PDB file of N, CA and C in Angstrom:
ATOM      1  N   MET A   1       0.850  -1.162   0.000  1.00  0.00           N
ATOM      2  CA  MET A   1       0.000   0.000   0.000  1.00  0.00           C
ATOM      3  C   MET A   1       0.899   1.228   0.000  1.00  0.00           C
ATOM      4  N   VAL A   2       1.170   1.756  -1.144  1.00  0.00           N
ATOM      5  CA  VAL A   2       2.035   2.924  -1.260  1.00  0.00           C
ATOM      6  C   VAL A   2       1.181   4.120  -1.639  1.00  0.00           C
ATOM      7  N   VAL A   3       1.150   5.109  -0.751  1.00  0.00           N
ATOM      8  CA  VAL A   3       0.376   6.324  -0.994  1.00  0.00           C
ATOM      9  C   VAL A   3       1.226   7.499  -0.573  1.00  0.00           C
ATOM     10  N   GLY A   4       1.491   8.408  -1.470  1.00  0.00           N
ATOM     11  CA  GLY A   4       2.236   9.613  -1.120  1.00  0.00           C
ATOM     12  C   GLY A   4       3.696   9.334  -0.844  1.00  0.00           C
ATOM     13  N   ASN A   5       4.369  10.312  -0.248  1.00  0.00           N
ATOM     14  CA  ASN A   5       5.800  10.206   0.027  1.00  0.00           C
ATOM     15  C   ASN A   5       6.108   9.936   1.491  1.00  0.00           C
ATOM     16  N   ASP A   6       5.123   9.881   2.324  1.00  0.00           N
ATOM     17  CA  ASP A   6       5.330   9.665   3.750  1.00  0.00           C
ATOM     18  C   ASP A   6       5.752   8.214   3.988  1.00  0.00           C
ATOM     19  N   PRO A   7       6.917   7.973   4.634  1.00  0.00           N
ATOM     20  CA  PRO A   7       7.375   6.590   4.865  1.00  0.00           C
ATOM     21  C   PRO A   7       6.387   5.760   5.668  1.00  0.00           C
ATOM     22  N   GLU A   8       5.662   6.408   6.572  1.00  0.00           N
ATOM     23  CA  GLU A   8       4.706   5.678   7.390  1.00  0.00           C
ATOM     24  C   GLU A   8       3.550   5.162   6.533  1.00  0.00           C
ATOM     25  N   GLU A   9       3.178   5.873   5.486  1.00  0.00           N
ATOM     26  CA  GLU A   9       2.094   5.439   4.621  1.00  0.00           C
ATOM     27  C   GLU A   9       2.514   4.264   3.752  1.00  0.00           C
ATOM     28  N   LYS A  10       3.816   4.120   3.501  1.00  0.00           N
ATOM     29  CA  LYS A  10       4.302   3.041   2.643  1.00  0.00           C
ATOM     30  C   LYS A  10       4.264   1.689   3.348  1.00  0.00           C
ATOM     31  N   ALA A  11       4.322   1.680   4.645  1.00  0.00           N
ATOM     32  CA  ALA A  11       4.318   0.432   5.397  1.00  0.00           C
ATOM     33  C   ALA A  11       2.898  -0.093   5.536  1.00  0.00           C
ATOM     34  N   VAL A  12       2.775  -1.408   5.482  1.00  0.00           N
ATOM     35  CA  VAL A  12       1.481  -2.032   5.716  1.00  0.00           C
ATOM     36  C   VAL A  12       1.312  -2.148   7.222  1.00  0.00           C
ATOM     37  N   HIS A  13       0.190  -1.673   7.726  1.00  0.00           N
ATOM     38  CA  HIS A  13      -0.052  -1.685   9.164  1.00  0.00           C
ATOM     39  C   HIS A  13      -0.352  -3.106   9.642  1.00  0.00           C
ATOM     40  N   PRO A  14       0.074  -3.444  10.848  1.00  0.00           N
ATOM     41  CA  PRO A  14      -0.132  -4.809  11.371  1.00  0.00           C
ATOM     42  C   PRO A  14      -1.598  -5.228  11.374  1.00  0.00           C
ATOM     43  N   ILE A  15      -2.507  -4.294  11.646  1.00  0.00           N
ATOM     44  CA  ILE A  15      -3.933  -4.666  11.670  1.00  0.00           C
ATOM     45  C   ILE A  15      -4.374  -5.162  10.299  1.00  0.00           C
ATOM     46  N   GLU A  16      -3.860  -4.562   9.237  1.00  0.00           N
ATOM     47  CA  GLU A  16      -4.222  -4.997   7.894  1.00  0.00           C
ATOM     48  C   GLU A  16      -3.714  -6.411   7.621  1.00  0.00           C
ATOM     49  N   LEU A  17      -2.527  -6.723   8.126  1.00  0.00           N
ATOM     50  CA  LEU A  17      -1.983  -8.079   7.944  1.00  0.00           C
ATOM     51  C   LEU A  17      -2.810  -9.115   8.691  1.00  0.00           C
ATOM     52  N   VAL A  18      -3.193  -8.799   9.911  1.00  0.00           N
ATOM     53  CA  VAL A  18      -4.002  -9.728  10.709  1.00  0.00           C
ATOM     54  C   VAL A  18      -5.338  -9.977  10.031  1.00  0.00           C
ATOM     55  N   LEU A  19      -5.991  -8.909   9.601  1.00  0.00           N
ATOM     56  CA  LEU A  19      -7.309  -9.055   8.986  1.00  0.00           C
ATOM     57  C   LEU A  19      -7.226  -9.754   7.632  1.00  0.00           C
ATOM     58  N   ALA A  20      -6.173  -9.479   6.869  1.00  0.00           N
ATOM     59  CA  ALA A  20      -5.999 -10.159   5.584  1.00  0.00           C
ATOM     60  C   ALA A  20      -5.760 -11.655   5.789  1.00  0.00           C
ATOM     61  N   ARG A  21      -4.963 -12.000   6.777  1.00  0.00           N
ATOM     62  CA  ARG A  21      -4.708 -13.418   7.064  1.00  0.00           C
ATOM     63  C   ARG A  21      -5.979 -14.118   7.519  1.00  0.00           C
ATOM     64  N   LEU A  22      -6.769 -13.421   8.324  1.00  0.00           N
ATOM     65  CA  LEU A  22      -8.026 -13.991   8.803  1.00  0.00           C
ATOM     66  C   LEU A  22      -8.973 -14.266   7.634  1.00  0.00           C
ATOM     67  N   LEU A  23      -9.085 -13.315   6.707  1.00  0.00           N
ATOM     68  CA  LEU A  23      -9.946 -13.520   5.543  1.00  0.00           C
ATOM     69  C   LEU A  23      -9.420 -14.652   4.660  1.00  0.00           C
ATOM     70  N   ARG A  24      -8.110 -14.700   4.481  1.00  0.00           N
ATOM     71  CA  ARG A  24      -7.525 -15.752   3.648  1.00  0.00           C
ATOM     72  C   ARG A  24      -7.766 -17.125   4.272  1.00  0.00           C
ATOM     73  N   LEU A  25      -7.535 -17.231   5.578  1.00  0.00           N
ATOM     74  CA  LEU A  25      -7.736 -18.500   6.269  1.00  0.00           C
ATOM     75  C   LEU A  25      -9.199 -18.940   6.208  1.00  0.00           C
ATOM     76  N   GLY A  26     -10.108 -18.013   6.438  1.00  0.00           N
ATOM     77  CA  GLY A  26     -11.532 -18.342   6.374  1.00  0.00           C
ATOM     78  C   GLY A  26     -11.957 -18.780   4.983  1.00  0.00           C
ATOM     79  N   SER A  27     -11.459 -18.082   3.975  1.00  0.00           N
ATOM     80  CA  SER A  27     -11.802 -18.431   2.594  1.00  0.00           C
ATOM     81  C   SER A  27     -11.250 -19.800   2.219  1.00  0.00           C
ATOM     82  N   LEU A  28     -10.019 -20.073   2.622  1.00  0.00           N
ATOM     83  CA  LEU A  28      -9.418 -21.378   2.324  1.00  0.00           C
ATOM     84  C   LEU A  28     -10.148 -22.510   3.048  1.00  0.00           C
ATOM     85  N   ALA A  29     -10.502 -22.278   4.304  1.00  0.00           N
ATOM     86  CA  ALA A  29     -11.228 -23.305   5.065  1.00  0.00           C
ATOM     87  C   ALA A  29     -12.594 -23.567   4.435  1.00  0.00           C
ATOM     88  N   ALA A  30     -13.291 -22.499   4.038  1.00  0.00           N
ATOM     89  CA  ALA A  30     -14.599 -22.657   3.403  1.00  0.00           C
ATOM     90  C   ALA A  30     -14.467 -23.400   2.075  1.00  0.00           C
ATOM     91  N   ALA A  31     -13.476 -23.017   1.282  1.00  0.00           N
ATOM     92  CA  ALA A  31     -13.273 -23.680  -0.014  1.00  0.00           C
ATOM     93  C   ALA A  31     -12.951 -25.158   0.172  1.00  0.00           C
ATOM     94  N   ALA A  32     -12.137 -25.464   1.174  1.00  0.00           N
ATOM     95  CA  ALA A  32     -11.786 -26.867   1.431  1.00  0.00           C
ATOM     96  C   ALA A  32     -13.020 -27.667   1.845  1.00  0.00           C
ATOM     97  N   LEU A  33     -13.820 -27.112   2.736  1.00  0.00           N
ATOM     98  CA  LEU A  33     -15.031 -27.813   3.173  1.00  0.00           C
ATOM     99  C   LEU A  33     -15.997 -28.015   2.009  1.00  0.00           C
ATOM    100  N   LEU A  34     -16.162 -26.985   1.190  1.00  0.00           N
ATOM    101  CA  LEU A  34     -17.054 -27.105   0.039  1.00  0.00           C
ATOM    102  C   LEU A  34     -16.530 -28.139  -0.964  1.00  0.00           C
ATOM    103  N   ALA A  35     -15.231 -28.114  -1.230  1.00  0.00           N
ATOM    104  CA  ALA A  35     -14.652 -29.061  -2.185  1.00  0.00           C
ATOM    105  C   ALA A  35     -14.784 -30.496  -1.688  1.00  0.00           C
ATOM    106  N   VAL A  36     -14.499 -30.710  -0.414  1.00  0.00           N
ATOM    107  CA  VAL A  36     -14.626 -32.057   0.142  1.00  0.00           C
ATOM    108  C   VAL A  36     -16.088 -32.488   0.130  1.00  0.00           C
ATOM    109  N   GLY A  37     -16.984 -31.569   0.460  1.00  0.00           N
ATOM    110  CA  GLY A  37     -18.408 -31.888   0.443  1.00  0.00           C
ATOM    111  C   GLY A  37     -18.890 -32.281  -0.941  1.00  0.00           C
ATOM    112  N   ILE A  38     -18.445 -31.550  -1.958  1.00  0.00           N
ATOM    113  CA  ILE A  38     -18.840 -31.883  -3.330  1.00  0.00           C
ATOM    114  C   ILE A  38     -18.228 -33.211  -3.758  1.00  0.00           C
ATOM    115  N   ALA A  39     -16.965 -33.430  -3.392  1.00  0.00           N
ATOM    116  CA  ALA A  39     -16.309 -34.695  -3.739  1.00  0.00           C
ATOM    117  C   ALA A  39     -17.014 -35.870  -3.076  1.00  0.00           C
ATOM    118  N   VAL A  40     -17.376 -35.703  -1.817  1.00  0.00           N
ATOM    119  CA  VAL A  40     -18.071 -36.770  -1.089  1.00  0.00           C
ATOM    120  C   VAL A  40     -19.442 -37.034  -1.726  1.00  0.00           C
ATOM    121  N   MET A  41     -20.100 -35.953  -2.185  1.00  0.00           N
ATOM    122  CA  MET A  41     -21.400 -36.117  -2.835  1.00  0.00           C
ATOM    123  C   MET A  41     -21.246 -36.904  -4.141  1.00  0.00           C
ATOM    124  N   VAL A  42     -20.211 -36.594  -4.906  1.00  0.00           N
ATOM    125  CA  VAL A  42     -19.961 -37.303  -6.168  1.00  0.00           C
ATOM    126  C   VAL A  42     -19.670 -38.777  -5.908  1.00  0.00           C
ATOM    127  N   LEU A  43     -18.995 -39.054  -4.793  1.00  0.00           N
ATOM    128  CA  LEU A  43     -18.665 -40.437  -4.445  1.00  0.00           C
ATOM    129  C   LEU A  43     -19.842 -41.197  -3.848  1.00  0.00           C
ATOM    130  N   GLY A  44     -20.966 -40.505  -3.628  1.00  0.00           N
ATOM    131  CA  GLY A  44     -22.176 -41.193  -3.202  1.00  0.00           C
ATOM    132  C   GLY A  44     -22.474 -41.166  -1.714  1.00  0.00           C
ATOM    133  N   GLN A  45     -21.712 -40.464  -0.947  1.00  0.00           N
ATOM    134  CA  GLN A  45     -21.972 -40.382   0.500  1.00  0.00           C
ATOM    135  C   GLN A  45     -22.998 -39.274   0.759  1.00  0.00           C
ATOM    136  N   THR A  46     -24.250 -39.565   0.490  1.00  0.00           N
ATOM    137  CA  THR A  46     -25.286 -38.531   0.522  1.00  0.00           C
ATOM    138  C   THR A  46     -25.620 -38.021   1.920  1.00  0.00           C
ATOM    139  N   GLU A  47     -25.280 -38.762   2.955  1.00  0.00           N
ATOM    140  CA  GLU A  47     -25.600 -38.279   4.309  1.00  0.00           C
ATOM    141  C   GLU A  47     -24.534 -37.314   4.851  1.00  0.00           C
ATOM    142  N   LEU A  48     -23.296 -37.432   4.404  1.00  0.00           N
ATOM    143  CA  LEU A  48     -22.213 -36.572   4.895  1.00  0.00           C
ATOM    144  C   LEU A  48     -22.034 -35.310   4.058  1.00  0.00           C
ATOM    145  N   ALA A  49     -22.291 -35.400   2.771  1.00  0.00           N
ATOM    146  CA  ALA A  49     -22.036 -34.282   1.858  1.00  0.00           C
ATOM    147  C   ALA A  49     -22.786 -33.002   2.228  1.00  0.00           C
ATOM    148  N   PRO A  50     -24.084 -33.049   2.514  1.00  0.00           N
ATOM    149  CA  PRO A  50     -24.783 -31.803   2.855  1.00  0.00           C
ATOM    150  C   PRO A  50     -24.233 -31.131   4.116  1.00  0.00           C
ATOM    151  N   LYS A  51     -23.778 -31.942   5.060  1.00  0.00           N
ATOM    152  CA  LYS A  51     -23.213 -31.380   6.293  1.00  0.00           C
ATOM    153  C   LYS A  51     -21.915 -30.631   6.008  1.00  0.00           C
ATOM    154  N   LEU A  52     -21.061 -31.203   5.168  1.00  0.00           N
ATOM    155  CA  LEU A  52     -19.798 -30.548   4.814  1.00  0.00           C
ATOM    156  C   LEU A  52     -20.039 -29.281   4.011  1.00  0.00           C
ATOM    157  N   ILE A  53     -20.974 -29.338   3.083  1.00  0.00           N
ATOM    158  CA  ILE A  53     -21.285 -28.158   2.269  1.00  0.00           C
ATOM    159  C   ILE A  53     -21.885 -27.056   3.135  1.00  0.00           C
ATOM    160  N   THR A  54     -22.778 -27.419   4.041  1.00  0.00           N
ATOM    161  CA  THR A  54     -23.363 -26.436   4.958  1.00  0.00           C
ATOM    162  C   THR A  54     -22.287 -25.825   5.839  1.00  0.00           C
ATOM    163  N   ALA A  55     -21.372 -26.643   6.336  1.00  0.00           N
ATOM    164  CA  ALA A  55     -20.269 -26.122   7.158  1.00  0.00           C
ATOM    165  C   ALA A  55     -19.408 -25.152   6.355  1.00  0.00           C
ATOM    166  N   GLY A  56     -19.135 -25.482   5.101  1.00  0.00           N
ATOM    167  CA  GLY A  56     -18.354 -24.597   4.245  1.00  0.00           C
ATOM    168  C   GLY A  56     -19.044 -23.264   4.028  1.00  0.00           C
ATOM    169  N   LEU A  57     -20.355 -23.305   3.807  1.00  0.00           N
ATOM    170  CA  LEU A  57     -21.104 -22.063   3.612  1.00  0.00           C
ATOM    171  C   LEU A  57     -21.159 -21.237   4.891  1.00  0.00           C
ATOM    172  N   LEU A  58     -21.296 -21.893   6.025  1.00  0.00           N
ATOM    173  CA  LEU A  58     -21.308 -21.166   7.303  1.00  0.00           C
ATOM    174  C   LEU A  58     -19.959 -20.506   7.584  1.00  0.00           C
ATOM    175  N   VAL A  59     -18.875 -21.209   7.282  1.00  0.00           N
ATOM    176  CA  VAL A  59     -17.542 -20.618   7.449  1.00  0.00           C
ATOM    177  C   VAL A  59     -17.381 -19.429   6.514  1.00  0.00           C
ATOM    178  N   LEU A  60     -17.854 -19.579   5.278  1.00  0.00           N
ATOM    179  CA  LEU A  60     -17.759 -18.492   4.308  1.00  0.00           C
ATOM    180  C   LEU A  60     -18.552 -17.275   4.765  1.00  0.00           C
ATOM    181  N   LEU A  61     -19.729 -17.486   5.305  1.00  0.00           N
ATOM    182  CA  LEU A  61     -20.553 -16.378   5.795  1.00  0.00           C
ATOM    183  C   LEU A  61     -20.027 -15.796   7.108  1.00  0.00           C
ATOM    184  N   GLY A  62     -19.430 -16.629   7.923  1.00  0.00           N
ATOM    185  CA  GLY A  62     -18.948 -16.164   9.221  1.00  0.00           C
ATOM    186  C   GLY A  62     -17.612 -15.448   9.177  1.00  0.00           C
ATOM    187  N   THR A  63     -16.854 -15.644   8.108  1.00  0.00           N
ATOM    188  CA  THR A  63     -15.520 -15.045   8.019  1.00  0.00           C
ATOM    189  C   THR A  63     -15.542 -13.513   8.081  1.00  0.00           C
ATOM    190  N   PRO A  64     -16.393 -12.824   7.321  1.00  0.00           N
ATOM    191  CA  PRO A  64     -16.413 -11.360   7.431  1.00  0.00           C
ATOM    192  C   PRO A  64     -16.861 -10.870   8.809  1.00  0.00           C
ATOM    193  N   VAL A  65     -17.775 -11.605   9.429  1.00  0.00           N
ATOM    194  CA  VAL A  65     -18.223 -11.226  10.771  1.00  0.00           C
ATOM    195  C   VAL A  65     -17.064 -11.373  11.757  1.00  0.00           C
ATOM    196  N   LEU A  66     -16.323 -12.463  11.632  1.00  0.00           N
ATOM    197  CA  LEU A  66     -15.159 -12.667  12.490  1.00  0.00           C
ATOM    198  C   LEU A  66     -14.117 -11.586  12.257  1.00  0.00           C
ATOM    199  N   ARG A  67     -14.004 -11.124  11.024  1.00  0.00           N
ATOM    200  CA  ARG A  67     -13.074 -10.045  10.697  1.00  0.00           C
ATOM    201  C   ARG A  67     -13.455  -8.763  11.431  1.00  0.00           C
ATOM    202  N   VAL A  68     -14.745  -8.456  11.493  1.00  0.00           N
ATOM    203  CA  VAL A  68     -15.199  -7.253  12.198  1.00  0.00           C
ATOM    204  C   VAL A  68     -14.955  -7.398  13.699  1.00  0.00           C
ATOM    205  N   VAL A  69     -15.186  -8.591  14.230  1.00  0.00           N
ATOM    206  CA  VAL A  69     -14.921  -8.838  15.656  1.00  0.00           C
ATOM    207  C   VAL A  69     -13.430  -8.670  15.951  1.00  0.00           C
ATOM    208  N   ALA A  70     -12.580  -9.235  15.101  1.00  0.00           N
ATOM    209  CA  ALA A  70     -11.127  -9.108  15.294  1.00  0.00           C
ATOM    210  C   ALA A  70     -10.697  -7.645  15.203  1.00  0.00           C
ATOM    211  N   ALA A  71     -11.260  -6.917  14.251  1.00  0.00           N
ATOM    212  CA  ALA A  71     -10.926  -5.492  14.124  1.00  0.00           C
ATOM    213  C   ALA A  71     -11.346  -4.728  15.365  1.00  0.00           C
ATOM    214  N   ALA A  72     -12.519  -5.024  15.885  1.00  0.00           N
ATOM    215  CA  ALA A  72     -12.994  -4.342  17.096  1.00  0.00           C
ATOM    216  C   ALA A  72     -12.059  -4.608  18.270  1.00  0.00           C
ATOM    217  N   ILE A  73     -11.634  -5.848  18.415  1.00  0.00           N
ATOM    218  CA  ILE A  73     -10.722  -6.198  19.513  1.00  0.00           C
ATOM    219  C   ILE A  73      -9.392  -5.456  19.353  1.00  0.00           C
ATOM    220  N   ILE A  74      -8.883  -5.427  18.138  1.00  0.00           N
ATOM    221  CA  ILE A  74      -7.616  -4.727  17.900  1.00  0.00           C
ATOM    222  C   ILE A  74      -7.762  -3.242  18.178  1.00  0.00           C
ATOM    223  N   PHE A  75      -8.867  -2.642  17.730  1.00  0.00           N
ATOM    224  CA  PHE A  75      -9.072  -1.210  17.947  1.00  0.00           C
ATOM    225  C   PHE A  75      -9.210  -0.886  19.433  1.00  0.00           C
ATOM    226  N   VAL A  76      -9.865  -1.753  20.182  1.00  0.00           N
ATOM    227  CA  VAL A  76      -9.987  -1.525  21.635  1.00  0.00           C
ATOM    228  C   VAL A  76      -8.618  -1.635  22.296  1.00  0.00           C
ATOM    229  N   LYS A  77      -7.830  -2.637  21.904  1.00  0.00           N
ATOM    230  CA  LYS A  77      -6.489  -2.781  22.479  1.00  0.00           C
ATOM    231  C   LYS A  77      -5.616  -1.571  22.168  1.00  0.00           C
ATOM    232  N   GLU A  78      -5.801  -0.993  20.966  1.00  0.00           N
ATOM    233  CA  GLU A  78      -5.027   0.184  20.573  1.00  0.00           C
ATOM    234  C   GLU A  78      -5.644   1.480  21.102  1.00  0.00           C
ATOM    235  N   ARG A  79      -6.747   1.358  21.792  1.00  0.00           N
ATOM    236  CA  ARG A  79      -7.490   2.500  22.334  1.00  0.00           C
ATOM    237  C   ARG A  79      -7.917   3.476  21.235  1.00  0.00           C
ATOM    238  N   ASP A  80      -8.264   2.912  20.089  1.00  0.00           N
ATOM    239  CA  ASP A  80      -8.786   3.704  18.978  1.00  0.00           C
ATOM    240  C   ASP A  80     -10.310   3.614  19.063  1.00  0.00           C
ATOM    241  N   TRP A  81     -10.873   4.436  19.926  1.00  0.00           N
ATOM    242  CA  TRP A  81     -12.286   4.328  20.275  1.00  0.00           C
ATOM    243  C   TRP A  81     -13.204   4.660  19.100  1.00  0.00           C
ATOM    244  N   HIS A  82     -12.749   5.519  18.223  1.00  0.00           N
ATOM    245  CA  HIS A  82     -13.553   5.913  17.068  1.00  0.00           C
ATOM    246  C   HIS A  82     -13.841   4.686  16.193  1.00  0.00           C
ATOM    247  N   PHE A  83     -12.806   3.957  15.830  1.00  0.00           N
ATOM    248  CA  PHE A  83     -12.986   2.779  14.975  1.00  0.00           C
ATOM    249  C   PHE A  83     -13.569   1.603  15.755  1.00  0.00           C
ATOM    250  N   ALA A  84     -13.307   1.532  17.042  1.00  0.00           N
ATOM    251  CA  ALA A  84     -13.933   0.490  17.859  1.00  0.00           C
ATOM    252  C   ALA A  84     -15.449   0.676  17.866  1.00  0.00           C
ATOM    253  N   LEU A  85     -15.883   1.942  17.960  1.00  0.00           N
ATOM    254  CA  LEU A  85     -17.319   2.229  17.919  1.00  0.00           C
ATOM    255  C   LEU A  85     -17.905   1.875  16.559  1.00  0.00           C
ATOM    256  N   PHE A  86     -17.194   2.198  15.484  1.00  0.00           N
ATOM    257  CA  PHE A  86     -17.665   1.826  14.147  1.00  0.00           C
ATOM    258  C   PHE A  86     -17.811   0.314  14.030  1.00  0.00           C
ATOM    259  N   SER A  87     -16.857  -0.426  14.562  1.00  0.00           N
ATOM    260  CA  SER A  87     -16.924  -1.885  14.517  1.00  0.00           C
ATOM    261  C   SER A  87     -18.129  -2.399  15.286  1.00  0.00           C
ATOM    262  N   LEU A  88     -18.406  -1.787  16.435  1.00  0.00           N
ATOM    263  CA  LEU A  88     -19.568  -2.178  17.230  1.00  0.00           C
ATOM    264  C   LEU A  88     -20.861  -1.895  16.471  1.00  0.00           C
ATOM    265  N   VAL A  89     -20.929  -0.761  15.794  1.00  0.00           N
ATOM    266  CA  VAL A  89     -22.116  -0.432  15.004  1.00  0.00           C
ATOM    267  C   VAL A  89     -22.311  -1.458  13.882  1.00  0.00           C
ATOM    268  N   VAL A  90     -21.225  -1.832  13.222  1.00  0.00           N
ATOM    269  CA  VAL A  90     -21.317  -2.833  12.152  1.00  0.00           C
ATOM    270  C   VAL A  90     -21.779  -4.173  12.720  1.00  0.00           C
ATOM    271  N   LEU A  91     -21.242  -4.568  13.864  1.00  0.00           N
ATOM    272  CA  LEU A  91     -21.669  -5.830  14.489  1.00  0.00           C
ATOM    273  C   LEU A  91     -23.146  -5.791  14.862  1.00  0.00           C
ATOM    274  N   CYS A  92     -23.612  -4.649  15.368  1.00  0.00           N
ATOM    275  CA  CYS A  92     -25.037  -4.512  15.696  1.00  0.00           C
ATOM    276  C   CYS A  92     -25.897  -4.596  14.441  1.00  0.00           C
ATOM    277  N   ALA A  93     -25.432  -3.999  13.352  1.00  0.00           N
ATOM    278  CA  ALA A  93     -26.181  -4.060  12.098  1.00  0.00           C
ATOM    279  C   ALA A  93     -26.246  -5.492  11.579  1.00  0.00           C
ATOM    280  N   VAL A  94     -25.141  -6.215  11.662  1.00  0.00           N
ATOM    281  CA  VAL A  94     -25.126  -7.614  11.227  1.00  0.00           C
ATOM    282  C   VAL A  94     -26.052  -8.451  12.110  1.00  0.00           C
ATOM    283  N   ALA A  95     -25.977  -8.245  13.425  1.00  0.00           N
ATOM    284  CA  ALA A  95     -26.842  -8.988  14.351  1.00  0.00           C
ATOM    285  C   ALA A  95     -28.314  -8.684  14.089  1.00  0.00           C
ATOM    286  N   ALA A  96     -28.631  -7.420  13.839  1.00  0.00           N
ATOM    287  CA  ALA A  96     -30.021  -7.055  13.540  1.00  0.00           C
ATOM    288  C   ALA A  96     -30.466  -7.695  12.234  1.00  0.00           C
ATOM    289  N   GLY A  97     -29.589  -7.714  11.238  1.00  0.00           N
ATOM    290  CA  GLY A  97     -29.927  -8.349   9.969  1.00  0.00           C
ATOM    291  C   GLY A  97     -30.179  -9.834  10.119  1.00  0.00           C
ATOM    292  N   ILE A  98     -29.381 -10.489  10.942  1.00  0.00           N
ATOM    293  CA  ILE A  98     -29.581 -11.919  11.179  1.00  0.00           C
ATOM    294  C   ILE A  98     -30.872 -12.156  11.938  1.00  0.00           C
ATOM    295  N   TYR A  99     -31.125 -11.335  12.976  1.00  0.00           N
ATOM    296  CA  TYR A  99     -32.301 -11.510  13.810  1.00  0.00           C
ATOM    297  C   TYR A  99     -33.588 -11.260  13.016  1.00  0.00           C
ATOM    298  N   PHE A 100     -33.637 -10.133  12.320  1.00  0.00           N
ATOM    299  CA  PHE A 100     -34.857  -9.753  11.613  1.00  0.00           C
ATOM    300  C   PHE A 100     -34.978 -10.431  10.253  1.00  0.00           C
ATOM    301  N   GLY A 101     -33.901 -10.988   9.756  1.00  0.00           N
ATOM    302  CA  GLY A 101     -33.913 -11.615   8.436  1.00  0.00           C
ATOM    303  C   GLY A 101     -34.274 -13.088   8.468  1.00  0.00           C
ATOM    304  N   LYS A 102     -34.535 -13.615   9.636  1.00  0.00           N
ATOM    305  CA  LYS A 102     -34.876 -15.045   9.748  1.00  0.00           C
ATOM    306  C   LYS A 102     -36.173 -15.383   9.035  1.00  0.00           C
ATOM    307  N   GLY A 103     -37.068 -14.442   8.977  1.00  0.00           N
ATOM    308  CA  GLY A 103     -38.375 -14.742   8.375  1.00  0.00           C
ATOM    309  C   GLY A 103     -39.233 -15.498   9.356  1.00  0.00           C
ATOM    310  N   GLY A 104     -40.406 -15.708   9.015  1.00  0.00           N
ATOM    311  CA  GLY A 104     -41.182 -16.358  10.028  1.00  0.00           C
ATOM    312  C   GLY A 104     -42.283 -17.114   9.513  1.00  0.00           C
TER     313      GLY A 104
END
């Protein structure tokens, strides 16, 4: 991330590395679960395949939420209350979407 001539702007901040690794790990885990689930389905194990595919989809959906939680924790540790509050607002919006989006 190179922006401007300021040396501090040229460095990638540790929070960005942590969050990028978290997203990469979540995406890889979800892809692995989905791939194994599809392979198991092709091989005829119809009782295990839906569980693996569902787990893969849940990991895929949960990864961004976990990223916001990790960011909030990092911001609180750094005493960056402005961004910690933004993270809390995003978490509340996600929770409200899950709660009210269930349908009935």
